[in-house]
Amino acid sequence: MTFGHPAEAGIVVKPGDTLWSIAAASLGPLATDVDIALHWPSWYSANRRIIGDDPSTLRAGQVLQPPTPS
């Protein structure tokens, strides 16, 4: 699993990153697949303007903001 580099107030997407891998890394090593499956859509929702209509298409260099805690 890869995880983007921290940027000022966000995460910089690296080649190979996915919303799944970013969400998993943000939740930590004890996160289950269910935890990640429930969390990655919040990353997409918080960054849809940057990502676009396809959540599976991240581009290296994009800066994603963490979702606000619920």
PDB file of N, CA and C in Angstrom:
ATOM      1  N   MET A   1       0.849  -1.169   0.000  1.00  0.00           N
ATOM      2  CA  MET A   1       0.000   0.000   0.000  1.00  0.00           C
ATOM      3  C   MET A   1       0.892   1.229   0.000  1.00  0.00           C
ATOM      4  N   THR A   2       0.523   2.182  -0.812  1.00  0.00           N
ATOM      5  CA  THR A   2       1.257   3.444  -0.820  1.00  0.00           C
ATOM      6  C   THR A   2       0.399   4.497  -0.158  1.00  0.00           C
ATOM      7  N   PHE A   3       1.037   5.558   0.231  1.00  0.00           N
ATOM      8  CA  PHE A   3       0.296   6.666   0.835  1.00  0.00           C
ATOM      9  C   PHE A   3       0.946   7.951   0.410  1.00  0.00           C
ATOM     10  N   GLY A   4       0.132   8.875  -0.035  1.00  0.00           N
ATOM     11  CA  GLY A   4       0.650  10.156  -0.495  1.00  0.00           C
ATOM     12  C   GLY A   4       1.454  10.865   0.576  1.00  0.00           C
ATOM     13  N   HIS A   5       2.319  11.724   0.129  1.00  0.00           N
ATOM     14  CA  HIS A   5       3.125  12.519   1.043  1.00  0.00           C
ATOM     15  C   HIS A   5       2.287  13.639   1.636  1.00  0.00           C
ATOM     16  N   PRO A   6       2.479  13.929   2.926  1.00  0.00           N
ATOM     17  CA  PRO A   6       1.747  15.058   3.498  1.00  0.00           C
ATOM     18  C   PRO A   6       2.150  16.363   2.816  1.00  0.00           C
ATOM     19  N   ALA A   7       1.188  17.182   2.547  1.00  0.00           N
ATOM     20  CA  ALA A   7       1.436  18.518   2.012  1.00  0.00           C
ATOM     21  C   ALA A   7       0.801  19.488   2.997  1.00  0.00           C
ATOM     22  N   GLU A   8       1.073  20.744   2.816  1.00  0.00           N
ATOM     23  CA  GLU A   8       0.460  21.711   3.706  1.00  0.00           C
ATOM     24  C   GLU A   8      -1.054  21.555   3.629  1.00  0.00           C
ATOM     25  N   ALA A   9      -1.653  21.111   4.726  1.00  0.00           N
ATOM     26  CA  ALA A   9      -3.102  20.934   4.848  1.00  0.00           C
ATOM     27  C   ALA A   9      -3.675  19.918   3.870  1.00  0.00           C
ATOM     28  N   GLY A  10      -2.912  18.925   3.435  1.00  0.00           N
ATOM     29  CA  GLY A  10      -3.462  17.908   2.548  1.00  0.00           C
ATOM     30  C   GLY A  10      -2.487  16.783   2.270  1.00  0.00           C
ATOM     31  N   ILE A  11      -2.915  15.869   1.431  1.00  0.00           N
ATOM     32  CA  ILE A  11      -2.127  14.708   1.033  1.00  0.00           C
ATOM     33  C   ILE A  11      -1.848  14.822  -0.463  1.00  0.00           C
ATOM     34  N   VAL A  12      -0.584  14.714  -0.854  1.00  0.00           N
ATOM     35  CA  VAL A  12      -0.224  14.735  -2.266  1.00  0.00           C
ATOM     36  C   VAL A  12      -0.284  13.311  -2.802  1.00  0.00           C
ATOM     37  N   VAL A  13      -1.079  13.102  -3.843  1.00  0.00           N
ATOM     38  CA  VAL A  13      -1.249  11.783  -4.439  1.00  0.00           C
ATOM     39  C   VAL A  13       0.040  11.374  -5.153  1.00  0.00           C
ATOM     40  N   LYS A  14       0.479  10.143  -4.872  1.00  0.00           N
ATOM     41  CA  LYS A  14       1.631   9.549  -5.539  1.00  0.00           C
ATOM     42  C   LYS A  14       1.134   8.545  -6.572  1.00  0.00           C
ATOM     43  N   PRO A  15       1.955   8.216  -7.572  1.00  0.00           N
ATOM     44  CA  PRO A  15       1.551   7.188  -8.536  1.00  0.00           C
ATOM     45  C   PRO A  15       1.166   5.898  -7.796  1.00  0.00           C
ATOM     46  N   GLY A  16       0.053   5.315  -8.184  1.00  0.00           N
ATOM     47  CA  GLY A  16      -0.410   4.076  -7.572  1.00  0.00           C
ATOM     48  C   GLY A  16      -1.351   4.265  -6.399  1.00  0.00           C
ATOM     49  N   ASP A  17      -1.463   5.478  -5.871  1.00  0.00           N
ATOM     50  CA  ASP A  17      -2.390   5.724  -4.772  1.00  0.00           C
ATOM     51  C   ASP A  17      -3.828   5.556  -5.249  1.00  0.00           C
ATOM     52  N   THR A  18      -4.659   5.097  -4.354  1.00  0.00           N
ATOM     53  CA  THR A  18      -6.099   4.998  -4.586  1.00  0.00           C
ATOM     54  C   THR A  18      -6.798   5.598  -3.375  1.00  0.00           C
ATOM     55  N   LEU A  19      -8.062   5.904  -3.521  1.00  0.00           N
ATOM     56  CA  LEU A  19      -8.803   6.378  -2.356  1.00  0.00           C
ATOM     57  C   LEU A  19      -8.833   5.305  -1.275  1.00  0.00           C
ATOM     58  N   TRP A  20      -8.877   4.053  -1.688  1.00  0.00           N
ATOM     59  CA  TRP A  20      -8.846   2.940  -0.729  1.00  0.00           C
ATOM     60  C   TRP A  20      -7.540   2.980   0.071  1.00  0.00           C
ATOM     61  N   SER A  21      -6.405   3.092  -0.613  1.00  0.00           N
ATOM     62  CA  SER A  21      -5.119   3.062   0.093  1.00  0.00           C
ATOM     63  C   SER A  21      -4.935   4.300   0.967  1.00  0.00           C
ATOM     64  N   ILE A  22      -5.418   5.435   0.501  1.00  0.00           N
ATOM     65  CA  ILE A  22      -5.315   6.659   1.292  1.00  0.00           C
ATOM     66  C   ILE A  22      -6.197   6.551   2.534  1.00  0.00           C
ATOM     67  N   ALA A  23      -7.420   6.065   2.362  1.00  0.00           N
ATOM     68  CA  ALA A  23      -8.316   5.891   3.507  1.00  0.00           C
ATOM     69  C   ALA A  23      -7.739   4.870   4.486  1.00  0.00           C
ATOM     70  N   ALA A  24      -7.198   3.777   3.969  1.00  0.00           N
ATOM     71  CA  ALA A  24      -6.612   2.746   4.835  1.00  0.00           C
ATOM     72  C   ALA A  24      -5.464   3.323   5.659  1.00  0.00           C
ATOM     73  N   ALA A  25      -4.592   4.075   5.015  1.00  0.00           N
ATOM     74  CA  ALA A  25      -3.457   4.663   5.721  1.00  0.00           C
ATOM     75  C   ALA A  25      -3.922   5.667   6.768  1.00  0.00           C
ATOM     76  N   SER A  26      -4.971   6.406   6.458  1.00  0.00           N
ATOM     77  CA  SER A  26      -5.453   7.406   7.410  1.00  0.00           C
ATOM     78  C   SER A  26      -6.105   6.757   8.626  1.00  0.00           C
ATOM     79  N   LEU A  27      -6.651   5.561   8.447  1.00  0.00           N
ATOM     80  CA  LEU A  27      -7.295   4.860   9.556  1.00  0.00           C
ATOM     81  C   LEU A  27      -6.302   4.089  10.422  1.00  0.00           C
ATOM     82  N   GLY A  28      -5.186   3.727   9.836  1.00  0.00           N
ATOM     83  CA  GLY A  28      -4.173   3.010  10.611  1.00  0.00           C
ATOM     84  C   GLY A  28      -4.209   1.511  10.398  1.00  0.00           C
ATOM     85  N   PRO A  29      -3.219   0.820  10.962  1.00  0.00           N
ATOM     86  CA  PRO A  29      -3.030  -0.605  10.683  1.00  0.00           C
ATOM     87  C   PRO A  29      -4.111  -1.531  11.250  1.00  0.00           C
ATOM     88  N   LEU A  30      -4.901  -1.066  12.176  1.00  0.00           N
ATOM     89  CA  LEU A  30      -5.943  -1.925  12.751  1.00  0.00           C
ATOM     90  C   LEU A  30      -7.270  -1.828  12.004  1.00  0.00           C
ATOM     91  N   ALA A  31      -7.328  -1.000  10.977  1.00  0.00           N
ATOM     92  CA  ALA A  31      -8.569  -0.837  10.208  1.00  0.00           C
ATOM     93  C   ALA A  31      -8.888  -2.121   9.450  1.00  0.00           C
ATOM     94  N   THR A  32     -10.156  -2.479   9.472  1.00  0.00           N
ATOM     95  CA  THR A  32     -10.620  -3.647   8.724  1.00  0.00           C
ATOM     96  C   THR A  32     -11.048  -3.215   7.330  1.00  0.00           C
ATOM     97  N   ASP A  33     -11.257  -4.187   6.455  1.00  0.00           N
ATOM     98  CA  ASP A  33     -11.762  -3.878   5.113  1.00  0.00           C
ATOM     99  C   ASP A  33     -13.100  -3.149   5.189  1.00  0.00           C
ATOM    100  N   VAL A  34     -13.924  -3.515   6.149  1.00  0.00           N
ATOM    101  CA  VAL A  34     -15.223  -2.849   6.312  1.00  0.00           C
ATOM    102  C   VAL A  34     -15.008  -1.391   6.713  1.00  0.00           C
ATOM    103  N   ASP A  35     -14.094  -1.151   7.652  1.00  0.00           N
ATOM    104  CA  ASP A  35     -13.790   0.227   8.062  1.00  0.00           C
ATOM    105  C   ASP A  35     -13.369   1.062   6.854  1.00  0.00           C
ATOM    106  N   ILE A  36     -12.482   0.500   6.041  1.00  0.00           N
ATOM    107  CA  ILE A  36     -11.966   1.220   4.879  1.00  0.00           C
ATOM    108  C   ILE A  36     -13.071   1.450   3.852  1.00  0.00           C
ATOM    109  N   ALA A  37     -13.887   0.417   3.627  1.00  0.00           N
ATOM    110  CA  ALA A  37     -14.983   0.525   2.665  1.00  0.00           C
ATOM    111  C   ALA A  37     -15.975   1.614   3.076  1.00  0.00           C
ATOM    112  N   LEU A  38     -16.152   1.799   4.364  1.00  0.00           N
ATOM    113  CA  LEU A  38     -17.063   2.842   4.836  1.00  0.00           C
ATOM    114  C   LEU A  38     -16.408   4.221   4.825  1.00  0.00           C
ATOM    115  N   HIS A  39     -15.071   4.272   4.849  1.00  0.00           N
ATOM    116  CA  HIS A  39     -14.357   5.544   4.978  1.00  0.00           C
ATOM    117  C   HIS A  39     -13.932   6.172   3.646  1.00  0.00           C
ATOM    118  N   TRP A  40     -13.558   5.355   2.644  1.00  0.00           N
ATOM    119  CA  TRP A  40     -13.027   5.957   1.414  1.00  0.00           C
ATOM    120  C   TRP A  40     -14.035   6.884   0.730  1.00  0.00           C
ATOM    121  N   PRO A  41     -15.353   6.607   0.771  1.00  0.00           N
ATOM    122  CA  PRO A  41     -16.273   7.548   0.117  1.00  0.00           C
ATOM    123  C   PRO A  41     -16.236   8.955   0.727  1.00  0.00           C
ATOM    124  N   SER A  42     -15.885   9.064   2.010  1.00  0.00           N
ATOM    125  CA  SER A  42     -15.798  10.396   2.607  1.00  0.00           C
ATOM    126  C   SER A  42     -14.599  11.165   2.033  1.00  0.00           C
ATOM    127  N   TRP A  43     -13.513  10.434   1.689  1.00  0.00           N
ATOM    128  CA  TRP A  43     -12.382  11.076   1.008  1.00  0.00           C
ATOM    129  C   TRP A  43     -12.823  11.573  -0.369  1.00  0.00           C
ATOM    130  N   TYR A  44     -13.602  10.755  -1.059  1.00  0.00           N
ATOM    131  CA  TYR A  44     -14.083  11.160  -2.383  1.00  0.00           C
ATOM    132  C   TYR A  44     -15.006  12.367  -2.276  1.00  0.00           C
ATOM    133  N   SER A  45     -15.921  12.324  -1.343  1.00  0.00           N
ATOM    134  CA  SER A  45     -16.857  13.424  -1.169  1.00  0.00           C
ATOM    135  C   SER A  45     -16.125  14.732  -0.859  1.00  0.00           C
ATOM    136  N   ALA A  46     -15.115  14.657  -0.023  1.00  0.00           N
ATOM    137  CA  ALA A  46     -14.363  15.856   0.357  1.00  0.00           C
ATOM    138  C   ALA A  46     -13.509  16.395  -0.788  1.00  0.00           C
ATOM    139  N   ASN A  47     -13.238  15.554  -1.786  1.00  0.00           N
ATOM    140  CA  ASN A  47     -12.309  15.946  -2.855  1.00  0.00           C
ATOM    141  C   ASN A  47     -12.874  15.773  -4.258  1.00  0.00           C
ATOM    142  N   ARG A  48     -14.179  15.614  -4.376  1.00  0.00           N
ATOM    143  CA  ARG A  48     -14.788  15.366  -5.682  1.00  0.00           C
ATOM    144  C   ARG A  48     -14.468  16.464  -6.696  1.00  0.00           C
ATOM    145  N   ARG A  49     -14.396  17.700  -6.245  1.00  0.00           N
ATOM    146  CA  ARG A  49     -14.085  18.819  -7.142  1.00  0.00           C
ATOM    147  C   ARG A  49     -12.696  18.645  -7.754  1.00  0.00           C
ATOM    148  N   ILE A  50     -11.772  18.066  -7.015  1.00  0.00           N
ATOM    149  CA  ILE A  50     -10.405  17.859  -7.489  1.00  0.00           C
ATOM    150  C   ILE A  50     -10.309  16.574  -8.317  1.00  0.00           C
ATOM    151  N   ILE A  51     -10.963  15.513  -7.843  1.00  0.00           N
ATOM    152  CA  ILE A  51     -10.858  14.186  -8.474  1.00  0.00           C
ATOM    153  C   ILE A  51     -11.685  14.100  -9.745  1.00  0.00           C
ATOM    154  N   GLY A  52     -12.876  14.662  -9.735  1.00  0.00           N
ATOM    155  CA  GLY A  52     -13.781  14.546 -10.869  1.00  0.00           C
ATOM    156  C   GLY A  52     -14.825  13.480 -10.616  1.00  0.00           C
ATOM    157  N   ASP A  53     -15.492  13.056 -11.690  1.00  0.00           N
ATOM    158  CA  ASP A  53     -16.628  12.140 -11.566  1.00  0.00           C
ATOM    159  C   ASP A  53     -16.251  10.683 -11.333  1.00  0.00           C
ATOM    160  N   ASP A  54     -14.999  10.323 -11.529  1.00  0.00           N
ATOM    161  CA  ASP A  54     -14.578   8.926 -11.386  1.00  0.00           C
ATOM    162  C   ASP A  54     -13.647   8.789 -10.182  1.00  0.00           C
ATOM    163  N   PRO A  55     -14.150   8.219  -9.079  1.00  0.00           N
ATOM    164  CA  PRO A  55     -13.322   8.115  -7.876  1.00  0.00           C
ATOM    165  C   PRO A  55     -12.122   7.187  -8.033  1.00  0.00           C
ATOM    166  N   SER A  56     -12.086   6.410  -9.095  1.00  0.00           N
ATOM    167  CA  SER A  56     -10.945   5.508  -9.288  1.00  0.00           C
ATOM    168  C   SER A  56      -9.820   6.167 -10.079  1.00  0.00           C
ATOM    169  N   THR A  57     -10.010   7.434 -10.462  1.00  0.00           N
ATOM    170  CA  THR A  57      -9.001   8.122 -11.256  1.00  0.00           C
ATOM    171  C   THR A  57      -8.344   9.224 -10.440  1.00  0.00           C
ATOM    172  N   LEU A  58      -7.236   8.874  -9.798  1.00  0.00           N
ATOM    173  CA  LEU A  58      -6.419   9.870  -9.109  1.00  0.00           C
ATOM    174  C   LEU A  58      -5.205  10.138  -9.971  1.00  0.00           C
ATOM    175  N   ARG A  59      -4.743  11.372  -9.959  1.00  0.00           N
ATOM    176  CA  ARG A  59      -3.547  11.738 -10.718  1.00  0.00           C
ATOM    177  C   ARG A  59      -2.465  12.169  -9.744  1.00  0.00           C
ATOM    178  N   ALA A  60      -1.264  11.682 -10.001  1.00  0.00           N
ATOM    179  CA  ALA A  60      -0.126  12.053  -9.168  1.00  0.00           C
ATOM    180  C   ALA A  60      -0.015  13.572  -9.113  1.00  0.00           C
ATOM    181  N   GLY A  61       0.235  14.066  -7.927  1.00  0.00           N
ATOM    182  CA  GLY A  61       0.376  15.501  -7.738  1.00  0.00           C
ATOM    183  C   GLY A  61      -0.870  16.191  -7.234  1.00  0.00           C
ATOM    184  N   GLN A  62      -2.032  15.535  -7.361  1.00  0.00           N
ATOM    185  CA  GLN A  62      -3.243  16.139  -6.808  1.00  0.00           C
ATOM    186  C   GLN A  62      -3.074  16.259  -5.296  1.00  0.00           C
ATOM    187  N   VAL A  63      -3.610  17.317  -4.719  1.00  0.00           N
ATOM    188  CA  VAL A  63      -3.560  17.496  -3.275  1.00  0.00           C
ATOM    189  C   VAL A  63      -4.970  17.284  -2.735  1.00  0.00           C
ATOM    190  N   LEU A  64      -5.130  16.237  -1.945  1.00  0.00           N
ATOM    191  CA  LEU A  64      -6.427  15.894  -1.380  1.00  0.00           C
ATOM    192  C   LEU A  64      -6.502  16.348   0.068  1.00  0.00           C
ATOM    193  N   GLN A  65      -7.668  16.833   0.433  1.00  0.00           N
ATOM    194  CA  GLN A  65      -7.911  17.264   1.808  1.00  0.00           C
ATOM    195  C   GLN A  65      -8.570  16.126   2.578  1.00  0.00           C
ATOM    196  N   PRO A  66      -8.167  15.892   3.816  1.00  0.00           N
ATOM    197  CA  PRO A  66      -8.842  14.869   4.616  1.00  0.00           C
ATOM    198  C   PRO A  66     -10.297  15.263   4.836  1.00  0.00           C
ATOM    199  N   PRO A  67     -11.173  14.266   4.910  1.00  0.00           N
ATOM    200  CA  PRO A  67     -12.573  14.575   5.201  1.00  0.00           C
ATOM    201  C   PRO A  67     -12.712  15.117   6.614  1.00  0.00           C
ATOM    202  N   THR A  68     -13.724  15.934   6.807  1.00  0.00           N
ATOM    203  CA  THR A  68     -13.968  16.436   8.154  1.00  0.00           C
ATOM    204  C   THR A  68     -14.517  15.302   9.012  1.00  0.00           C
ATOM    205  N   PRO A  69     -14.088  15.220  10.260  1.00  0.00           N
ATOM    206  CA  PRO A  69     -14.590  14.153  11.131  1.00  0.00           C
ATOM    207  C   PRO A  69     -16.095  14.252  11.299  1.00  0.00           C
ATOM    208  N   SER A  70     -16.736  13.092  11.352  1.00  0.00           N
ATOM    209  CA  SER A  70     -18.200  13.108  11.502  1.00  0.00           C
ATOM    210  C   SER A  70     -18.606  13.067  12.953  1.00  0.00           C
TER     211      SER A  70
END
